[in-house]
N, C-alpha and C. Protein backbone atom coordinates (compact mmCIF):
# COMPACT_ATOMS: atom_id res chain seq x y z
N UNK A 1 -16.89 9.95 -16.36
CA UNK A 1 -16.86 9.71 -14.42
C UNK A 1 -17.01 10.71 -13.28
N UNK A 2 -17.78 10.45 -12.58
CA UNK A 2 -18.18 11.47 -11.72
C UNK A 2 -16.96 11.84 -10.63
N UNK A 3 -17.12 12.61 -9.60
CA UNK A 3 -15.87 13.26 -8.81
C UNK A 3 -16.26 12.12 -7.69
N UNK A 4 -17.10 11.39 -7.02
CA UNK A 4 -17.34 10.46 -6.19
C UNK A 4 -16.32 8.96 -7.25
N UNK A 5 -16.94 8.68 -8.07
CA UNK A 5 -16.20 7.35 -8.49
C UNK A 5 -14.59 7.79 -8.88
N UNK A 6 -14.63 9.01 -9.16
CA UNK A 6 -12.55 8.94 -9.54
C UNK A 6 -12.13 8.80 -8.20
N UNK A 7 -12.56 9.58 -6.81
CA UNK A 7 -12.08 9.51 -6.11
C UNK A 7 -12.01 7.57 -5.25
N UNK A 8 -13.04 6.94 -5.22
CA UNK A 8 -12.86 6.20 -5.31
C UNK A 8 -11.78 5.05 -5.51
N UNK A 9 -11.76 5.58 -6.91
CA UNK A 9 -10.93 4.96 -8.17
C UNK A 9 -9.36 4.79 -7.62
N UNK A 10 -8.80 5.94 -7.68
CA UNK A 10 -8.04 6.80 -6.99
C UNK A 10 -7.11 6.46 -6.28
N UNK A 11 -8.35 5.70 -4.93
CA UNK A 11 -8.05 4.97 -3.25
C UNK A 11 -7.44 3.64 -3.69
N UNK A 12 -8.45 3.00 -4.39
CA UNK A 12 -8.09 1.17 -4.66
C UNK A 12 -6.99 1.30 -5.51
N UNK A 13 -6.71 2.56 -6.38
CA UNK A 13 -5.10 2.54 -7.00
C UNK A 13 -4.00 2.35 -6.00
N UNK A 14 -4.04 3.83 -4.93
CA UNK A 14 -3.87 3.90 -4.31
C UNK A 14 -3.18 2.42 -3.04
N UNK A 15 -4.04 2.40 -3.00
CA UNK A 15 -3.94 0.82 -2.39
C UNK A 15 -3.65 -0.41 -2.94
N UNK A 16 -3.84 -0.40 -3.61
CA UNK A 16 -3.11 -1.58 -4.29
C UNK A 16 -1.11 -1.50 -4.52
N UNK A 17 -1.66 -0.08 -4.87
CA UNK A 17 0.50 -0.02 -4.82
C UNK A 17 0.67 -0.17 -3.69
N UNK A 18 0.31 0.34 -2.93
CA UNK A 18 0.86 0.70 -1.54
C UNK A 18 0.44 -1.19 -0.85
N UNK A 19 -0.28 -1.99 -1.40
CA UNK A 19 0.12 -3.32 -1.17
C UNK A 19 1.21 -3.87 -1.71
N UNK A 20 0.99 -3.83 -2.70
CA UNK A 20 2.38 -4.48 -4.05
C UNK A 20 3.61 -3.95 -3.47
N UNK A 21 3.32 -3.09 -2.92
CA UNK A 21 5.26 -2.80 -2.47
C UNK A 21 5.19 -3.45 -0.88
N UNK A 22 4.52 -2.96 -0.62
CA UNK A 22 4.44 -4.03 0.89
C UNK A 22 4.84 -5.48 0.72
N UNK A 23 4.46 -6.12 -0.04
CA UNK A 23 4.46 -7.73 0.38
C UNK A 23 5.21 -7.62 -1.39
N UNK A 24 6.37 -7.33 -1.84
CA UNK A 24 7.05 -7.60 -3.08
C UNK A 24 8.04 -7.86 -1.96
N UNK A 25 9.09 -8.84 -2.62
CA UNK A 25 10.59 -9.17 -2.06
C UNK A 25 11.36 -8.47 -2.53
N UNK A 26 12.46 -8.27 -1.62
CA UNK A 26 13.49 -7.58 -1.31
C UNK A 26 14.33 -8.48 -1.35
N UNK A 27 15.37 -7.82 -2.79
CA UNK A 27 16.31 -8.47 -2.91
C UNK A 27 17.46 -8.59 -2.21
N UNK A 28 18.29 -9.64 -1.90
CA UNK A 28 19.72 -9.68 -1.03
C UNK A 28 20.32 -10.32 -2.06
N UNK A 29 21.40 -9.44 -1.39
CA UNK A 29 23.08 -10.48 -1.95
C UNK A 29 22.77 -12.17 -2.22
N UNK A 30 23.46 -12.55 -3.43
CA UNK A 30 23.25 -14.10 -3.34
C UNK A 30 22.45 -14.84 -3.78
N UNK A 31 20.91 -14.00 -4.21
CA UNK A 31 20.17 -14.74 -5.06
C UNK A 31 19.18 -15.30 -3.49
N UNK A 32 19.55 -14.08 -2.54
CA UNK A 32 18.51 -14.66 -1.62
C UNK A 32 17.55 -13.07 -1.47
N UNK A 33 16.00 -13.62 -0.89
CA UNK A 33 14.97 -12.82 -0.89
C UNK A 33 15.44 -12.32 1.12
N UNK A 34 15.27 -10.90 1.72
CA UNK A 34 15.10 -10.47 3.18
C UNK A 34 13.43 -10.83 3.02
N UNK A 35 12.93 -11.65 2.97
CA UNK A 35 11.51 -11.13 2.84
C UNK A 35 10.95 -9.86 2.46
N UNK A 36 9.51 -9.27 3.30
CA UNK A 36 9.41 -8.47 2.04
C UNK A 36 8.81 -7.62 3.50
N UNK A 37 8.63 -6.23 3.28
CA UNK A 37 8.35 -5.22 4.16
C UNK A 37 7.44 -5.96 5.22
N UNK A 38 6.04 -6.26 4.93
CA UNK A 38 5.30 -6.64 5.63
C UNK A 38 5.61 -8.17 6.17
N UNK A 39 6.09 -8.39 5.60
CA UNK A 39 6.34 -10.44 6.04
C UNK A 39 7.95 -10.42 5.93
N UNK A 40 8.71 -9.82 7.18
CA UNK A 40 10.06 -10.18 7.19
C UNK A 40 10.64 -11.29 7.04
N UNK A 41 11.62 -11.57 6.74
CA UNK A 41 12.15 -13.30 7.07
C UNK A 41 12.29 -13.55 8.05
N UNK A 42 12.38 -15.24 8.83
CA UNK A 42 12.99 -15.35 10.11
C UNK A 42 14.28 -14.35 10.45
N UNK A 43 15.44 -14.19 9.54
CA UNK A 43 16.37 -14.20 10.08
C UNK A 43 16.81 -12.85 10.18
N UNK A 44 15.66 -11.75 9.62
CA UNK A 44 15.91 -10.35 10.37
C UNK A 44 16.82 -9.75 9.11
N UNK A 45 17.90 -10.42 8.18
CA UNK A 45 18.80 -9.46 7.32
C UNK A 45 18.81 -7.92 6.62
N UNK A 46 17.55 -7.43 6.52
CA UNK A 46 17.61 -6.22 5.95
C UNK A 46 16.53 -5.30 7.11
N UNK A 47 16.75 -4.98 7.92
CA UNK A 47 16.10 -4.43 8.54
C UNK A 47 15.76 -2.61 8.10
N UNK A 48 16.43 -2.71 7.42
CA UNK A 48 17.03 -0.82 6.84
C UNK A 48 15.90 -0.98 5.60
N UNK A 49 16.20 -1.24 4.75
CA UNK A 49 15.38 -2.03 3.56
C UNK A 49 14.16 -2.55 3.67
N UNK A 50 13.69 -3.19 4.88
CA UNK A 50 12.32 -3.26 5.08
C UNK A 50 12.09 -2.15 5.67
N UNK A 51 11.86 -1.33 6.63
CA UNK A 51 12.10 -0.68 7.21
C UNK A 51 11.29 0.95 5.88
N UNK A 52 12.45 0.80 4.98
CA UNK A 52 12.12 1.95 4.43
C UNK A 52 11.18 1.67 3.42
N UNK A 53 11.00 -0.13 2.95
CA UNK A 53 9.83 -0.06 2.08
C UNK A 53 8.58 -0.16 2.79
N UNK A 54 8.68 -0.03 3.67
CA UNK A 54 7.45 -0.37 5.20
C UNK A 54 6.71 1.45 4.41
N UNK A 55 8.30 1.83 5.06
CA UNK A 55 7.41 3.39 4.99
C UNK A 55 6.89 4.04 3.69
N UNK A 56 7.59 3.02 2.60
CA UNK A 56 7.03 3.37 1.44
C UNK A 56 5.79 2.60 1.32
N UNK A 57 5.64 1.74 1.61
CA UNK A 57 3.86 1.13 1.26
C UNK A 57 2.95 2.04 1.86
N UNK A 58 3.10 2.89 3.37
CA UNK A 58 2.52 3.40 3.98
C UNK A 58 2.16 4.18 3.21
N UNK A 59 3.52 5.15 2.99
CA UNK A 59 2.92 6.82 1.84
C UNK A 59 1.93 6.30 1.09
N UNK A 60 1.59 4.96 0.61
CA UNK A 60 0.74 4.73 -0.77
C UNK A 60 -0.58 4.63 0.05
N UNK A 61 -0.80 2.96 0.96
CA UNK A 61 -2.11 2.92 1.69
C UNK A 61 -2.28 3.98 2.23
N UNK A 62 -1.69 4.50 3.53
CA UNK A 62 -2.30 6.13 4.65
C UNK A 62 -3.53 6.75 3.25
N UNK A 63 -3.01 7.71 2.47
CA UNK A 63 -3.64 8.19 1.70
C UNK A 63 -4.57 7.20 0.09
N UNK A 64 -4.33 6.01 -0.36
CA UNK A 64 -5.76 5.45 -0.48
C UNK A 64 -6.31 4.88 0.44
N UNK A 65 -6.10 4.28 1.51
CA UNK A 65 -7.61 4.58 2.56
C UNK A 65 -8.22 5.13 2.54
N UNK A 66 -7.73 6.98 2.46
CA UNK A 66 -8.71 8.00 2.90
C UNK A 66 -9.52 8.05 2.08
N UNK A 67 -9.16 7.46 0.52
CA UNK A 67 -9.45 8.39 -0.26
C UNK A 67 -10.45 7.30 -0.45
N UNK A 68 -10.82 5.77 -0.07
CA UNK A 68 -11.44 5.30 0.02
C UNK A 68 -12.29 5.42 0.76
N UNK A 69 -12.69 5.53 2.26
CA UNK A 69 -13.30 5.79 3.08
C UNK A 69 -14.23 7.16 2.54
N UNK A 70 -13.36 8.78 2.05
CA UNK A 70 -14.20 9.24 1.74
C UNK A 70 -15.20 9.33 0.68
N UNK A 71 -14.93 8.49 -0.20
CA UNK A 71 -15.31 8.25 -1.85
C UNK A 71 -16.59 7.36 -1.33
N UNK A 72 -16.13 6.77 -0.94
CA UNK A 72 -17.33 5.29 0.45
C UNK A 72 -18.34 6.21 1.14
N UNK A 73 -17.56 6.92 1.62
CA UNK A 73 -19.05 7.90 2.89
C UNK A 73 -19.82 9.16 1.90
N UNK A 74 -19.71 9.63 0.92
CA UNK A 74 -19.59 10.23 0.79
C UNK A 74 -20.87 10.28 -0.92
N UNK A 75 -20.25 9.08 -1.15
CA UNK A 75 -21.58 8.21 -2.38
C UNK A 75 -22.53 7.55 -1.33
N UNK A 76 -22.50 7.15 -0.47
CA UNK A 76 -23.66 6.92 1.13
C UNK A 76 -24.68 8.32 0.93
N UNK A 77 -23.65 9.03 1.53
CA UNK A 77 -24.64 10.40 1.58
C UNK A 77 -26.01 11.05 0.19
N UNK A 78 -24.91 11.35 -0.67
CA UNK A 78 -26.00 11.29 -1.64
C UNK A 78 -26.80 10.52 -2.64
N UNK A 79 -26.16 9.24 -2.37
CA UNK A 79 -28.10 8.26 -2.92
C UNK A 79 -27.24 7.97 -4.50
N UNK A 80 -25.71 7.81 -4.65
CA UNK A 80 -25.05 8.03 -5.59
C UNK A 80 -25.23 6.63 -6.36
């Protein structure tokens, strides 16, 4: 596997992990959920948990997007 393909694969993986974290439901007491980090519920029951999960999702999404874009741009330059 070439370096370009490795960078693209790592970017896709990190982006998918970030999306999974961002859209996973946040569990609350009594089997209720607080929505997710990207799609909160209408009552905004858990703002602290939502903001911390959103931050964790962005920790994966931003580098994943950068890796993906840089891999695709370098792939286009070399004609790979």
